[in-house]
C-alpha atoms as a PDB file:
ATOM      1  CA  UNK A   1       0.000   0.000   0.000  1.00  0.00           C
ATOM      2  CA  UNK A   2       1.287   3.544  -0.757  1.00  0.00           C
ATOM      3  CA  UNK A   3       2.718   5.557   2.166  1.00  0.00           C
ATOM      4  CA  UNK A   4       2.619   2.475   4.405  1.00  0.00           C
ATOM      5  CA  UNK A   5       5.083   2.942   7.304  1.00  0.00           C
ATOM      6  CA  UNK A   6       8.211   0.827   7.151  1.00  0.00           C
ATOM      7  CA  UNK A   7       7.806  -0.470  10.688  1.00  0.00           C
ATOM      8  CA  UNK A   8       5.496  -0.386  13.671  1.00  0.00           C
ATOM      9  CA  UNK A   9       7.396   2.363  15.521  1.00  0.00           C
ATOM     10  CA  UNK A  10       7.024   4.744  12.580  1.00  0.00           C
ATOM     11  CA  UNK A  11       3.305   3.919  12.413  1.00  0.00           C
ATOM     12  CA  UNK A  12       2.848   4.713  16.119  1.00  0.00           C
ATOM     13  CA  UNK A  13       4.529   8.105  15.732  1.00  0.00           C
ATOM     14  CA  UNK A  14       2.618   8.962  12.562  1.00  0.00           C
ATOM     15  CA  UNK A  15      -0.765   7.993  13.974  1.00  0.00           C
ATOM     16  CA  UNK A  16      -0.213   9.938  17.140  1.00  0.00           C
ATOM     17  CA  UNK A  17       0.982  13.056  15.353  1.00  0.00           C
ATOM     18  CA  UNK A  18      -2.039  12.949  13.041  1.00  0.00           C
ATOM     19  CA  UNK A  19      -4.602  12.467  15.834  1.00  0.00           C
ATOM     20  CA  UNK A  20      -7.218  15.115  15.128  1.00  0.00           C
ATOM     21  CA  UNK A  21      -8.689  17.876  17.277  1.00  0.00           C
ATOM     22  CA  UNK A  22      -6.008  18.045  19.951  1.00  0.00           C
ATOM     23  CA  UNK A  23      -6.203  21.069  22.216  1.00  0.00           C
ATOM     24  CA  UNK A  24      -2.535  22.099  21.976  1.00  0.00           C
ATOM     25  CA  UNK A  25      -0.989  21.225  18.589  1.00  0.00           C
ATOM     26  CA  UNK A  26       2.008  23.496  19.299  1.00  0.00           C
ATOM     27  CA  UNK A  27       3.356  20.854  21.690  1.00  0.00           C
ATOM     28  CA  UNK A  28       3.393  18.089  19.085  1.00  0.00           C
ATOM     29  CA  UNK A  29       6.755  18.917  17.522  1.00  0.00           C
ATOM     30  CA  UNK A  30       8.387  18.648  20.931  1.00  0.00           C
ATOM     31  CA  UNK A  31       6.383  15.516  21.811  1.00  0.00           C
ATOM     32  CA  UNK A  32       7.230  13.802  18.514  1.00  0.00           C
ATOM     33  CA  UNK A  33      10.943  14.237  19.270  1.00  0.00           C
ATOM     34  CA  UNK A  34      10.427  12.757  22.746  1.00  0.00           C
ATOM     35  CA  UNK A  35       8.522   9.793  21.358  1.00  0.00           C
ATOM     36  CA  UNK A  36      11.293   9.017  18.901  1.00  0.00           C
ATOM     37  CA  UNK A  37      13.851   9.129  21.740  1.00  0.00           C
ATOM     38  CA  UNK A  38      11.723   6.770  23.845  1.00  0.00           C
ATOM     39  CA  UNK A  39      11.395   4.299  20.976  1.00  0.00           C
ATOM     40  CA  UNK A  40      15.129   4.335  20.228  1.00  0.00           C
ATOM     41  CA  UNK A  41      15.924   3.770  23.925  1.00  0.00           C
ATOM     42  CA  UNK A  42      13.485   0.874  24.207  1.00  0.00           C
ATOM     43  CA  UNK A  43      14.978  -0.750  21.111  1.00  0.00           C
ATOM     44  CA  UNK A  44      18.293  -0.947  22.953  1.00  0.00           C
ATOM     45  CA  UNK A  45      16.667  -2.437  26.045  1.00  0.00           C
ATOM     46  CA  UNK A  46      14.428  -5.068  24.533  1.00  0.00           C
ATOM     47  CA  UNK A  47      13.007  -6.377  21.294  1.00  0.00           C
ATOM     48  CA  UNK A  48       9.348  -5.575  20.964  1.00  0.00           C
ATOM     49  CA  UNK A  49       6.967  -8.150  19.578  1.00  0.00           C
ATOM     50  CA  UNK A  50       5.324  -6.653  16.480  1.00  0.00           C
ATOM     51  CA  UNK A  51       2.492  -9.156  16.686  1.00  0.00           C
ATOM     52  CA  UNK A  52       1.601  -8.000  20.202  1.00  0.00           C
ATOM     53  CA  UNK A  53       1.527  -4.364  19.121  1.00  0.00           C
ATOM     54  CA  UNK A  54      -0.688  -5.189  16.169  1.00  0.00           C
ATOM     55  CA  UNK A  55      -3.217  -6.654  18.599  1.00  0.00           C
ATOM     56  CA  UNK A  56      -3.468  -3.467  20.673  1.00  0.00           C
ATOM     57  CA  UNK A  57      -6.869  -1.811  20.207  1.00  0.00           C
ATOM     58  CA  UNK A  58      -5.550   1.730  19.950  1.00  0.00           C
ATOM     59  CA  UNK A  59      -2.252   3.448  19.365  1.00  0.00           C
ATOM     60  CA  UNK A  60      -2.368   4.990  22.831  1.00  0.00           C
ATOM     61  CA  UNK A  61      -2.187   1.588  24.454  1.00  0.00           C
ATOM     62  CA  UNK A  62       0.768   0.620  22.281  1.00  0.00           C
ATOM     63  CA  UNK A  63       2.601   3.819  23.121  1.00  0.00           C
ATOM     64  CA  UNK A  64       1.999   3.295  26.828  1.00  0.00           C
ATOM     65  CA  UNK A  65       3.627  -0.138  26.667  1.00  0.00           C
ATOM     66  CA  UNK A  66       6.712   1.469  25.132  1.00  0.00           C
ATOM     67  CA  UNK A  67       7.264   3.689  28.141  1.00  0.00           C
ATOM     68  CA  UNK A  68       9.695   2.688  30.866  1.00  0.00           C
ATOM     69  CA  UNK A  69       7.622   2.108  34.030  1.00  0.00           C
ATOM     70  CA  UNK A  70      10.242   0.209  36.001  1.00  0.00           C
ATOM     71  CA  UNK A  71      10.673   3.074  38.462  1.00  0.00           C
ATOM     72  CA  UNK A  72       7.538   4.960  39.515  1.00  0.00           C
ATOM     73  CA  UNK A  73       7.344   8.273  41.324  1.00  0.00           C
ATOM     74  CA  UNK A  74       5.449   8.396  44.642  1.00  0.00           C
ATOM     75  CA  UNK A  75       2.489   9.957  42.820  1.00  0.00           C
ATOM     76  CA  UNK A  76       2.463   7.182  40.218  1.00  0.00           C
ATOM     77  CA  UNK A  77       2.727   4.518  42.900  1.00  0.00           C
ATOM     78  CA  UNK A  78      -0.273   6.041  44.700  1.00  0.00           C
ATOM     79  CA  UNK A  79      -2.322   6.337  41.507  1.00  0.00           C
ATOM     80  CA  UNK A  80      -1.551   2.701  40.746  1.00  0.00           C
ATOM     81  CA  UNK A  81      -3.474   1.749  43.893  1.00  0.00           C
ATOM     82  CA  UNK A  82      -6.699   3.426  42.660  1.00  0.00           C
ATOM     83  CA  UNK A  83      -8.454   0.434  41.121  1.00  0.00           C
ATOM     84  CA  UNK A  84     -11.499   0.384  38.812  1.00  0.00           C
ATOM     85  CA  UNK A  85     -15.067  -0.599  39.553  1.00  0.00           C
ATOM     86  CA  UNK A  86     -16.727  -4.001  39.235  1.00  0.00           C
ATOM     87  CA  UNK A  87     -20.120  -5.549  38.671  1.00  0.00           C
ATOM     88  CA  UNK A  88     -22.255  -4.679  41.691  1.00  0.00           C
ATOM     89  CA  UNK A  89     -25.660  -3.176  42.469  1.00  0.00           C
ATOM     90  CA  UNK A  90     -28.406  -2.883  45.070  1.00  0.00           C
ATOM     91  CA  UNK A  91     -31.877  -4.196  44.204  1.00  0.00           C
ATOM     92  CA  UNK A  92     -34.876  -2.687  45.999  1.00  0.00           C
ATOM     93  CA  UNK A  93     -37.922  -4.954  45.764  1.00  0.00           C
ATOM     94  CA  UNK A  94     -41.606  -4.038  46.029  1.00  0.00           C
ATOM     95  CA  UNK A  95     -41.751  -4.630  49.788  1.00  0.00           C
ATOM     96  CA  UNK A  96     -38.844  -2.244  50.438  1.00  0.00           C
ATOM     97  CA  UNK A  97     -36.220  -4.933  50.943  1.00  0.00           C
ATOM     98  CA  UNK A  98     -32.703  -4.225  49.681  1.00  0.00           C
ATOM     99  CA  UNK A  99     -30.465  -6.929  48.242  1.00  0.00           C
ATOM    100  CA  UNK A 100     -26.776  -6.452  47.477  1.00  0.00           C
ATOM    101  CA  UNK A 101     -25.852  -8.019  44.145  1.00  0.00           C
ATOM    102  CA  UNK A 102     -22.293  -9.026  43.345  1.00  0.00           C
ATOM    103  CA  UNK A 103     -20.786 -12.343  42.317  1.00  0.00           C
ATOM    104  CA  UNK A 104     -23.191 -14.655  44.092  1.00  0.00           C
ATOM    105  CA  UNK A 105     -26.244 -16.191  42.450  1.00  0.00           C
ATOM    106  CA  UNK A 106     -29.534 -14.900  43.839  1.00  0.00           C
ATOM    107  CA  UNK A 107     -33.013 -16.255  43.110  1.00  0.00           C
ATOM    108  CA  UNK A 108     -36.296 -14.918  44.458  1.00  0.00           C
ATOM    109  CA  UNK A 109     -39.945 -14.496  43.509  1.00  0.00           C
ATOM    110  CA  UNK A 110     -41.851 -11.209  43.619  1.00  0.00           C
ATOM    111  CA  UNK A 111     -45.388 -10.976  45.031  1.00  0.00           C
ATOM    112  CA  UNK A 112     -46.913 -11.208  41.554  1.00  0.00           C
ATOM    113  CA  UNK A 113     -45.064 -14.457  40.812  1.00  0.00           C
ATOM    114  CA  UNK A 114     -42.323 -12.999  38.620  1.00  0.00           C
ATOM    115  CA  UNK A 115     -39.058 -14.910  39.059  1.00  0.00           C
ATOM    116  CA  UNK A 116     -35.893 -12.862  39.570  1.00  0.00           C
ATOM    117  CA  UNK A 117     -32.526 -14.496  38.972  1.00  0.00           C
ATOM    118  CA  UNK A 118     -29.254 -12.627  39.470  1.00  0.00           C
ATOM    119  CA  UNK A 119     -25.897 -13.990  38.328  1.00  0.00           C
ATOM    120  CA  UNK A 120     -22.691 -12.004  37.941  1.00  0.00           C
ATOM    121  CA  UNK A 121     -22.110 -12.914  34.304  1.00  0.00           C
ATOM    122  CA  UNK A 122     -25.757 -12.649  33.252  1.00  0.00           C
ATOM    123  CA  UNK A 123     -26.972  -9.760  35.414  1.00  0.00           C
ATOM    124  CA  UNK A 124     -30.598  -9.759  36.568  1.00  0.00           C
ATOM    125  CA  UNK A 125     -33.202 -11.613  34.522  1.00  0.00           C
ATOM    126  CA  UNK A 126     -36.968 -11.180  35.108  1.00  0.00           C
ATOM    127  CA  UNK A 127     -39.170 -14.085  34.012  1.00  0.00           C
ATOM    128  CA  UNK A 128     -42.964 -13.632  34.343  1.00  0.00           C
ATOM    129  CA  UNK A 129     -44.854 -16.630  35.693  1.00  0.00           C
ATOM    130  CA  UNK A 130     -48.258 -15.593  34.338  1.00  0.00           C
ATOM    131  CA  UNK A 131     -49.150 -13.138  31.584  1.00  0.00           C
ATOM    132  CA  UNK A 132     -52.558 -12.740  33.210  1.00  0.00           C
ATOM    133  CA  UNK A 133     -51.201 -11.268  36.400  1.00  0.00           C
ATOM    134  CA  UNK A 134     -52.113  -7.543  36.444  1.00  0.00           C
ATOM    135  CA  UNK A 135     -50.518  -6.575  39.761  1.00  0.00           C
ATOM    136  CA  UNK A 136     -48.432  -3.423  39.121  1.00  0.00           C
ATOM    137  CA  UNK A 137     -45.373  -3.434  41.343  1.00  0.00           C
ATOM    138  CA  UNK A 138     -41.971  -1.817  40.902  1.00  0.00           C
ATOM    139  CA  UNK A 139     -38.344  -2.667  41.543  1.00  0.00           C
ATOM    140  CA  UNK A 140     -35.430  -0.235  41.578  1.00  0.00           C
ATOM    141  CA  UNK A 141     -31.869  -1.153  40.652  1.00  0.00           C
ATOM    142  CA  UNK A 142     -29.249   1.210  42.097  1.00  0.00           C
ATOM    143  CA  UNK A 143     -25.646   1.192  40.873  1.00  0.00           C
ATOM    144  CA  UNK A 144     -23.195   2.703  43.385  1.00  0.00           C
ATOM    145  CA  UNK A 145     -20.018   4.567  42.433  1.00  0.00           C
ATOM    146  CA  UNK A 146     -17.402   2.116  41.189  1.00  0.00           C
ATOM    147  CA  UNK A 147     -20.099  -0.262  39.953  1.00  0.00           C
ATOM    148  CA  UNK A 148     -22.027  -1.424  36.871  1.00  0.00           C
ATOM    149  CA  UNK A 149     -24.756  -3.985  36.237  1.00  0.00           C
ATOM    150  CA  UNK A 150     -27.087  -5.241  33.530  1.00  0.00           C
ATOM    151  CA  UNK A 151     -30.695  -6.353  33.595  1.00  0.00           C
ATOM    152  CA  UNK A 152     -33.163  -8.152  31.336  1.00  0.00           C
ATOM    153  CA  UNK A 153     -36.678  -6.823  31.947  1.00  0.00           C
ATOM    154  CA  UNK A 154     -39.816  -8.964  31.794  1.00  0.00           C
ATOM    155  CA  UNK A 155     -40.427  -8.058  28.124  1.00  0.00           C
ATOM    156  CA  UNK A 156     -36.901  -9.098  27.086  1.00  0.00           C
ATOM    157  CA  UNK A 157     -35.486  -5.557  26.922  1.00  0.00           C
ATOM    158  CA  UNK A 158     -31.825  -5.459  27.973  1.00  0.00           C
ATOM    159  CA  UNK A 159     -30.357  -2.572  29.956  1.00  0.00           C
ATOM    160  CA  UNK A 160     -26.748  -1.892  31.000  1.00  0.00           C
ATOM    161  CA  UNK A 161     -26.427   0.597  33.860  1.00  0.00           C
ATOM    162  CA  UNK A 162     -23.305   2.658  34.502  1.00  0.00           C
ATOM    163  CA  UNK A 163     -21.832   3.833  37.813  1.00  0.00           C
ATOM    164  CA  UNK A 164     -23.907   6.124  40.057  1.00  0.00           C
ATOM    165  CA  UNK A 165     -27.115   5.322  38.167  1.00  0.00           C
ATOM    166  CA  UNK A 166     -30.546   3.934  39.011  1.00  0.00           C
ATOM    167  CA  UNK A 167     -33.458   2.429  37.105  1.00  0.00           C
ATOM    168  CA  UNK A 168     -37.037   2.129  38.371  1.00  0.00           C
ATOM    169  CA  UNK A 169     -39.216  -0.291  36.392  1.00  0.00           C
ATOM    170  CA  UNK A 170     -42.359  -2.439  36.670  1.00  0.00           C
ATOM    171  CA  UNK A 171     -41.756  -6.072  37.477  1.00  0.00           C
ATOM    172  CA  UNK A 172     -44.377  -6.842  34.819  1.00  0.00           C
ATOM    173  CA  UNK A 173     -45.418  -4.303  32.154  1.00  0.00           C
ATOM    174  CA  UNK A 174     -49.036  -3.331  31.553  1.00  0.00           C
ATOM    175  CA  UNK A 175     -50.967  -4.221  28.407  1.00  0.00           C
ATOM    176  CA  UNK A 176     -50.583  -0.777  26.855  1.00  0.00           C
ATOM    177  CA  UNK A 177     -47.287   0.728  27.923  1.00  0.00           C
ATOM    178  CA  UNK A 178     -43.728  -0.067  28.986  1.00  0.00           C
ATOM    179  CA  UNK A 179     -42.291   2.764  31.057  1.00  0.00           C
ATOM    180  CA  UNK A 180     -39.074   3.025  33.113  1.00  0.00           C
ATOM    181  CA  UNK A 181     -37.393   5.878  34.987  1.00  0.00           C
ATOM    182  CA  UNK A 182     -33.650   6.458  34.657  1.00  0.00           C
ATOM    183  CA  UNK A 183     -31.197   8.546  36.607  1.00  0.00           C
ATOM    184  CA  UNK A 184     -27.624   8.468  35.336  1.00  0.00           C
ATOM    185  CA  UNK A 185     -26.463   6.500  32.287  1.00  0.00           C
ATOM    186  CA  UNK A 186     -27.792   3.365  30.621  1.00  0.00           C
ATOM    187  CA  UNK A 187     -27.596   1.568  27.298  1.00  0.00           C
ATOM    188  CA  UNK A 188     -30.895   0.049  26.114  1.00  0.00           C
ATOM    189  CA  UNK A 189     -31.617  -2.718  23.614  1.00  0.00           C
ATOM    190  CA  UNK A 190     -35.409  -2.588  23.497  1.00  0.00           C
ATOM    191  CA  UNK A 191     -37.470  -5.633  22.607  1.00  0.00           C
ATOM    192  CA  UNK A 192     -39.744  -4.679  19.705  1.00  0.00           C
ATOM    193  CA  UNK A 193     -43.478  -4.543  20.362  1.00  0.00           C
ATOM    194  CA  UNK A 194     -45.487  -2.230  18.100  1.00  0.00           C
ATOM    195  CA  UNK A 195     -48.503  -2.531  20.389  1.00  0.00           C
ATOM    196  CA  UNK A 196     -46.546  -1.450  23.471  1.00  0.00           C
ATOM    197  CA  UNK A 197     -44.220   1.548  23.069  1.00  0.00           C
ATOM    198  CA  UNK A 198     -41.238   1.677  25.427  1.00  0.00           C
ATOM    199  CA  UNK A 199     -40.774   4.940  27.364  1.00  0.00           C
ATOM    200  CA  UNK A 200     -37.640   6.071  29.182  1.00  0.00           C
ATOM    201  CA  UNK A 201     -38.168   9.042  31.490  1.00  0.00           C
ATOM    202  CA  UNK A 202     -35.273  11.128  32.864  1.00  0.00           C
ATOM    203  CA  UNK A 203     -35.142  14.451  34.690  1.00  0.00           C
ATOM    204  CA  UNK A 204     -34.784  16.268  31.360  1.00  0.00           C
ATOM    205  CA  UNK A 205     -36.895  14.442  28.794  1.00  0.00           C
ATOM    206  CA  UNK A 206     -38.974  11.481  27.748  1.00  0.00           C
ATOM    207  CA  UNK A 207     -37.797   8.988  25.107  1.00  0.00           C
ATOM    208  CA  UNK A 208     -40.316   6.912  23.157  1.00  0.00           C
ATOM    209  CA  UNK A 209     -39.233   3.817  21.197  1.00  0.00           C
ATOM    210  CA  UNK A 210     -40.682   0.698  19.609  1.00  0.00           C
ATOM    211  CA  UNK A 211     -37.592  -1.481  19.166  1.00  0.00           C
ATOM    212  CA  UNK A 212     -34.079  -0.079  18.971  1.00  0.00           C
ATOM    213  CA  UNK A 213     -30.683   0.383  20.654  1.00  0.00           C
ATOM    214  CA  UNK A 214     -29.598   3.673  22.216  1.00  0.00           C
ATOM    215  CA  UNK A 215     -27.648   5.227  25.073  1.00  0.00           C
ATOM    216  CA  UNK A 216     -28.943   7.801  27.567  1.00  0.00           C
ATOM    217  CA  UNK A 217     -26.746   9.875  29.888  1.00  0.00           C
ATOM    218  CA  UNK A 218     -28.574  12.206  32.261  1.00  0.00           C
ATOM    219  CA  UNK A 219     -26.923  12.640  35.671  1.00  0.00           C
ATOM    220  CA  UNK A 220     -28.332  15.040  38.245  1.00  0.00           C
ATOM    221  CA  UNK A 221     -24.921  16.583  38.903  1.00  0.00           C
ATOM    222  CA  UNK A 222     -24.122  17.262  35.227  1.00  0.00           C
ATOM    223  CA  UNK A 223     -25.067  20.483  33.433  1.00  0.00           C
ATOM    224  CA  UNK A 224     -25.827  18.608  30.213  1.00  0.00           C
ATOM    225  CA  UNK A 225     -27.368  15.347  29.058  1.00  0.00           C
ATOM    226  CA  UNK A 226     -27.470  13.418  25.791  1.00  0.00           C
ATOM    227  CA  UNK A 227     -29.151  10.515  24.051  1.00  0.00           C
ATOM    228  CA  UNK A 228     -27.343   8.676  21.250  1.00  0.00           C
ATOM    229  CA  UNK A 229     -29.054   6.341  18.797  1.00  0.00           C
ATOM    230  CA  UNK A 230     -27.187   3.257  17.558  1.00  0.00           C
ATOM    231  CA  UNK A 231     -29.980   1.705  15.489  1.00  0.00           C
ATOM    232  CA  UNK A 232     -33.725   2.003  14.951  1.00  0.00           C
ATOM    233  CA  UNK A 233     -35.577   5.262  15.587  1.00  0.00           C
ATOM    234  CA  UNK A 234     -36.573   7.127  18.734  1.00  0.00           C
ATOM    235  CA  UNK A 235     -38.641  10.187  19.599  1.00  0.00           C
ATOM    236  CA  UNK A 236     -37.479  12.648  22.256  1.00  0.00           C
ATOM    237  CA  UNK A 237     -39.812  15.029  24.069  1.00  0.00           C
ATOM    238  CA  UNK A 238     -38.359  17.946  26.031  1.00  0.00           C
ATOM    239  CA  UNK A 239     -40.948  20.380  27.326  1.00  0.00           C
ATOM    240  CA  UNK A 240     -42.786  21.380  24.128  1.00  0.00           C
ATOM    241  CA  UNK A 241     -40.031  20.244  21.757  1.00  0.00           C
ATOM    242  CA  UNK A 242     -40.418  16.891  20.007  1.00  0.00           C
ATOM    243  CA  UNK A 243     -37.597  15.503  17.862  1.00  0.00           C
ATOM    244  CA  UNK A 244     -36.974  12.259  15.968  1.00  0.00           C
ATOM    245  CA  UNK A 245     -33.507  10.687  16.049  1.00  0.00           C
ATOM    246  CA  UNK A 246     -32.086   8.496  13.287  1.00  0.00           C
ATOM    247  CA  UNK A 247     -29.082   6.166  13.698  1.00  0.00           C
ATOM    248  CA  UNK A 248     -25.849   8.069  14.229  1.00  0.00           C
ATOM    249  CA  UNK A 249     -27.580  11.109  15.704  1.00  0.00           C
ATOM    250  CA  UNK A 250     -27.346  12.506  19.216  1.00  0.00           C
ATOM    251  CA  UNK A 251     -29.693  14.819  21.083  1.00  0.00           C
ATOM    252  CA  UNK A 252     -27.594  17.077  23.318  1.00  0.00           C
ATOM    253  CA  UNK A 253     -29.418  19.114  25.944  1.00  0.00           C
ATOM    254  CA  UNK A 254     -27.562  21.981  27.590  1.00  0.00           C
ATOM    255  CA  UNK A 255     -28.748  25.239  29.114  1.00  0.00           C
ATOM    256  CA  UNK A 256     -32.324  24.284  28.308  1.00  0.00           C
ATOM    257  CA  UNK A 257     -31.666  23.979  24.570  1.00  0.00           C
ATOM    258  CA  UNK A 258     -31.660  20.780  22.529  1.00  0.00           C
ATOM    259  CA  UNK A 259     -29.194  20.282  19.687  1.00  0.00           C
ATOM    260  CA  UNK A 260     -29.313  17.360  17.257  1.00  0.00           C
ATOM    261  CA  UNK A 261     -25.920  16.445  15.818  1.00  0.00           C
ATOM    262  CA  UNK A 262     -24.208  13.636  13.929  1.00  0.00           C
ATOM    263  CA  UNK A 263     -21.830  11.481  15.976  1.00  0.00           C
ATOM    264  CA  UNK A 264     -20.079   8.142  15.848  1.00  0.00           C
ATOM    265  CA  UNK A 265     -22.290   6.022  18.170  1.00  0.00           C
ATOM    266  CA  UNK A 266     -19.328   3.794  19.003  1.00  0.00           C
ATOM    267  CA  UNK A 267     -17.963   6.433  21.381  1.00  0.00           C
ATOM    268  CA  UNK A 268     -21.199   6.493  23.388  1.00  0.00           C
ATOM    269  CA  UNK A 269     -22.549   2.932  23.238  1.00  0.00           C
ATOM    270  CA  UNK A 270     -19.544   0.771  24.180  1.00  0.00           C
ATOM    271  CA  UNK A 271     -18.675   1.967  27.692  1.00  0.00           C
ATOM    272  CA  UNK A 272     -19.901  -1.373  29.123  1.00  0.00           C
ATOM    273  CA  UNK A 273     -17.072  -3.202  27.311  1.00  0.00           C
ATOM    274  CA  UNK A 274     -13.317  -3.317  27.939  1.00  0.00           C
ATOM    275  CA  UNK A 275     -12.472   0.310  27.125  1.00  0.00           C
ATOM    276  CA  UNK A 276     -13.750   3.857  27.476  1.00  0.00           C
ATOM    277  CA  UNK A 277     -13.933   5.777  24.189  1.00  0.00           C
ATOM    278  CA  UNK A 278     -13.810   9.580  24.085  1.00  0.00           C
ATOM    279  CA  UNK A 279     -14.827  11.624  21.048  1.00  0.00           C
ATOM    280  CA  UNK A 280     -12.681  14.733  21.599  1.00  0.00           C
ATOM    281  CA  UNK A 281     -14.372  15.283  24.960  1.00  0.00           C
ATOM    282  CA  UNK A 282     -13.410  17.984  27.419  1.00  0.00           C
ATOM    283  CA  UNK A 283     -11.169  16.902  30.253  1.00  0.00           C
ATOM    284  CA  UNK A 284     -13.824  18.115  32.697  1.00  0.00           C
ATOM    285  CA  UNK A 285     -16.382  15.631  31.339  1.00  0.00           C
ATOM    286  CA  UNK A 286     -13.854  12.805  31.121  1.00  0.00           C
ATOM    287  CA  UNK A 287     -12.755  13.237  34.728  1.00  0.00           C
ATOM    288  CA  UNK A 288     -16.390  13.182  35.885  1.00  0.00           C
ATOM    289  CA  UNK A 289     -16.847   9.801  34.226  1.00  0.00           C
ATOM    290  CA  UNK A 290     -13.626   8.469  35.720  1.00  0.00           C
ATOM    291  CA  UNK A 291     -14.516   9.772  39.167  1.00  0.00           C
ATOM    292  CA  UNK A 292     -17.704   7.678  39.127  1.00  0.00           C
ATOM    293  CA  UNK A 293     -15.930   4.557  37.923  1.00  0.00           C
ATOM    294  CA  UNK A 294     -12.995   4.814  40.343  1.00  0.00           C
ATOM    295  CA  UNK A 295     -14.949   6.500  43.171  1.00  0.00           C
ATOM    296  CA  UNK A 296     -12.507   9.394  43.560  1.00  0.00           C
ATOM    297  CA  UNK A 297     -12.895  13.137  43.764  1.00  0.00           C
ATOM    298  CA  UNK A 298     -11.381  15.391  41.095  1.00  0.00           C
ATOM    299  CA  UNK A 299     -10.116  18.932  41.622  1.00  0.00           C
ATOM    300  CA  UNK A 300      -8.889  21.164  38.809  1.00  0.00           C
ATOM    301  CA  UNK A 301      -6.116  23.374  40.152  1.00  0.00           C
ATOM    302  CA  UNK A 302      -6.250  25.318  36.871  1.00  0.00           C
ATOM    303  CA  UNK A 303      -9.712  26.123  35.455  1.00  0.00           C
ATOM    304  CA  UNK A 304      -8.307  26.333  31.925  1.00  0.00           C
ATOM    305  CA  UNK A 305      -7.473  22.621  32.004  1.00  0.00           C
ATOM    306  CA  UNK A 306     -11.192  21.742  32.135  1.00  0.00           C
ATOM    307  CA  UNK A 307     -11.502  22.725  28.464  1.00  0.00           C
ATOM    308  CA  UNK A 308      -8.579  20.637  27.241  1.00  0.00           C
ATOM    309  CA  UNK A 309      -9.741  17.787  25.003  1.00  0.00           C
ATOM    310  CA  UNK A 310      -8.805  14.144  24.576  1.00  0.00           C
ATOM    311  CA  UNK A 311      -9.749  11.791  21.757  1.00  0.00           C
ATOM    312  CA  UNK A 312      -9.121   8.056  21.852  1.00  0.00           C
ATOM    313  CA  UNK A 313      -9.693   5.179  24.226  1.00  0.00           C
ATOM    314  CA  UNK A 314      -8.332   4.059  27.581  1.00  0.00           C
ATOM    315  CA  UNK A 315      -8.404   0.680  29.376  1.00  0.00           C
ATOM    316  CA  UNK A 316     -11.429   0.390  31.644  1.00  0.00           C
ATOM    317  CA  UNK A 317     -10.308  -2.292  34.087  1.00  0.00           C
ATOM    318  CA  UNK A 318      -6.788  -1.077  34.893  1.00  0.00           C
ATOM    319  CA  UNK A 319      -5.581   1.246  37.642  1.00  0.00           C
ATOM    320  CA  UNK A 320      -6.251   4.924  37.061  1.00  0.00           C
ATOM    321  CA  UNK A 321      -2.496   5.460  36.703  1.00  0.00           C
ATOM    322  CA  UNK A 322      -2.550   3.991  33.192  1.00  0.00           C
ATOM    323  CA  UNK A 323      -5.317   6.335  32.124  1.00  0.00           C
ATOM    324  CA  UNK A 324      -3.571   9.362  33.619  1.00  0.00           C
ATOM    325  CA  UNK A 325      -0.353   8.453  31.807  1.00  0.00           C
ATOM    326  CA  UNK A 326      -2.140   8.243  28.460  1.00  0.00           C
ATOM    327  CA  UNK A 327      -3.975  11.552  28.933  1.00  0.00           C
ATOM    328  CA  UNK A 328      -0.781  13.285  30.049  1.00  0.00           C
ATOM    329  CA  UNK A 329       0.837  12.294  26.741  1.00  0.00           C
ATOM    330  CA  UNK A 330      -1.842  14.018  24.663  1.00  0.00           C
ATOM    331  CA  UNK A 331      -2.774  17.044  26.770  1.00  0.00           C
ATOM    332  CA  UNK A 332      -0.636  19.588  28.573  1.00  0.00           C
ATOM    333  CA  UNK A 333      -1.661  18.456  32.068  1.00  0.00           C
ATOM    334  CA  UNK A 334      -0.358  16.319  34.892  1.00  0.00           C
ATOM    335  CA  UNK A 335      -2.150  14.454  37.681  1.00  0.00           C
ATOM    336  CA  UNK A 336      -1.439  14.147  41.393  1.00  0.00           C
ATOM    337  CA  UNK A 337      -3.292  12.241  44.101  1.00  0.00           C
ATOM    338  CA  UNK A 338      -3.982  13.628  47.566  1.00  0.00           C
ATOM    339  CA  UNK A 339      -5.814  11.001  49.638  1.00  0.00           C
ATOM    340  CA  UNK A 340      -8.903  10.262  47.512  1.00  0.00           C
ATOM    341  CA  UNK A 341      -8.669  13.425  45.437  1.00  0.00           C
ATOM    342  CA  UNK A 342      -7.037  13.602  41.986  1.00  0.00           C
ATOM    343  CA  UNK A 343      -5.518  17.023  41.365  1.00  0.00           C
ATOM    344  CA  UNK A 344      -5.371  18.173  37.718  1.00  0.00           C
ATOM    345  CA  UNK A 345      -2.684  20.759  36.930  1.00  0.00           C
ATOM    346  CA  UNK A 346      -1.352  22.405  33.780  1.00  0.00           C
ATOM    347  CA  UNK A 347       2.238  21.409  33.081  1.00  0.00           C
ATOM    348  CA  UNK A 348       4.753  24.162  33.677  1.00  0.00           C
END
């Protein structure tokens, strides 16, 4: 192929230099020189397996493996101890009981006969015993900071809930409507039923679907919210505004105004997998997401750093040190940890 790099190291440098939409391009000439020095030094130390690098999901991960981490500073050693979240949740049943869900298998029956089975790998699965049972009762699934969980509702709809989120839902849906209430972030794969529309209600809007896949993020402590459609079609109602989303579109609500824009859904609908993907997001938004997943506080020592941007992906199930190292390479910031508080500073 034309212009194909001669080796992997050249490809890493080229891809990183060409990464679009970086906040401070003036630093790239200096950074490129540093990267080349790092690669030359590592060549003298050890031979790198090209096959292993080819398997890395993003260039950032490959570059991180090239860095010498044999001796860590006290800050890096402390950050390395901040570990990621895991699959855990609290289930509130119709009688007010609370059940902690983690790795153990849990089986119970609600008052209307619906069977509830919870397993770590499968999440919660609701299986109705009788379609004739009309008792309307609700359960609430609460995801604490540093947690995530998934659920299969009684109609077959699948929901993945992110950290610091909650979902209130009927144990068995009525004949005419399927409605749930969400706080936080969730990815939905809705079971199609043209006779029963599926409604997701948040603090900001109502989402109406028939059968589709989409992501909703609407936290109480954020000053914005968005819904991203992966496939199908959804209708969003905010106050007196009603909009239809097609695949690849996102409804962004900020300062009371709704904006529909084209996005790559991959960045917003894959957070439940092995990596976090960021579509040139501000560092302020990224650190909010990481604070929920790692259950840490974040303080920006320099307000300007909040508007720095990062594009790419980071490993989800590693210590926060790895993520900080990757972000430091692409933005002009550095991270420090004081107790449970990550301090974000602009590099001098």
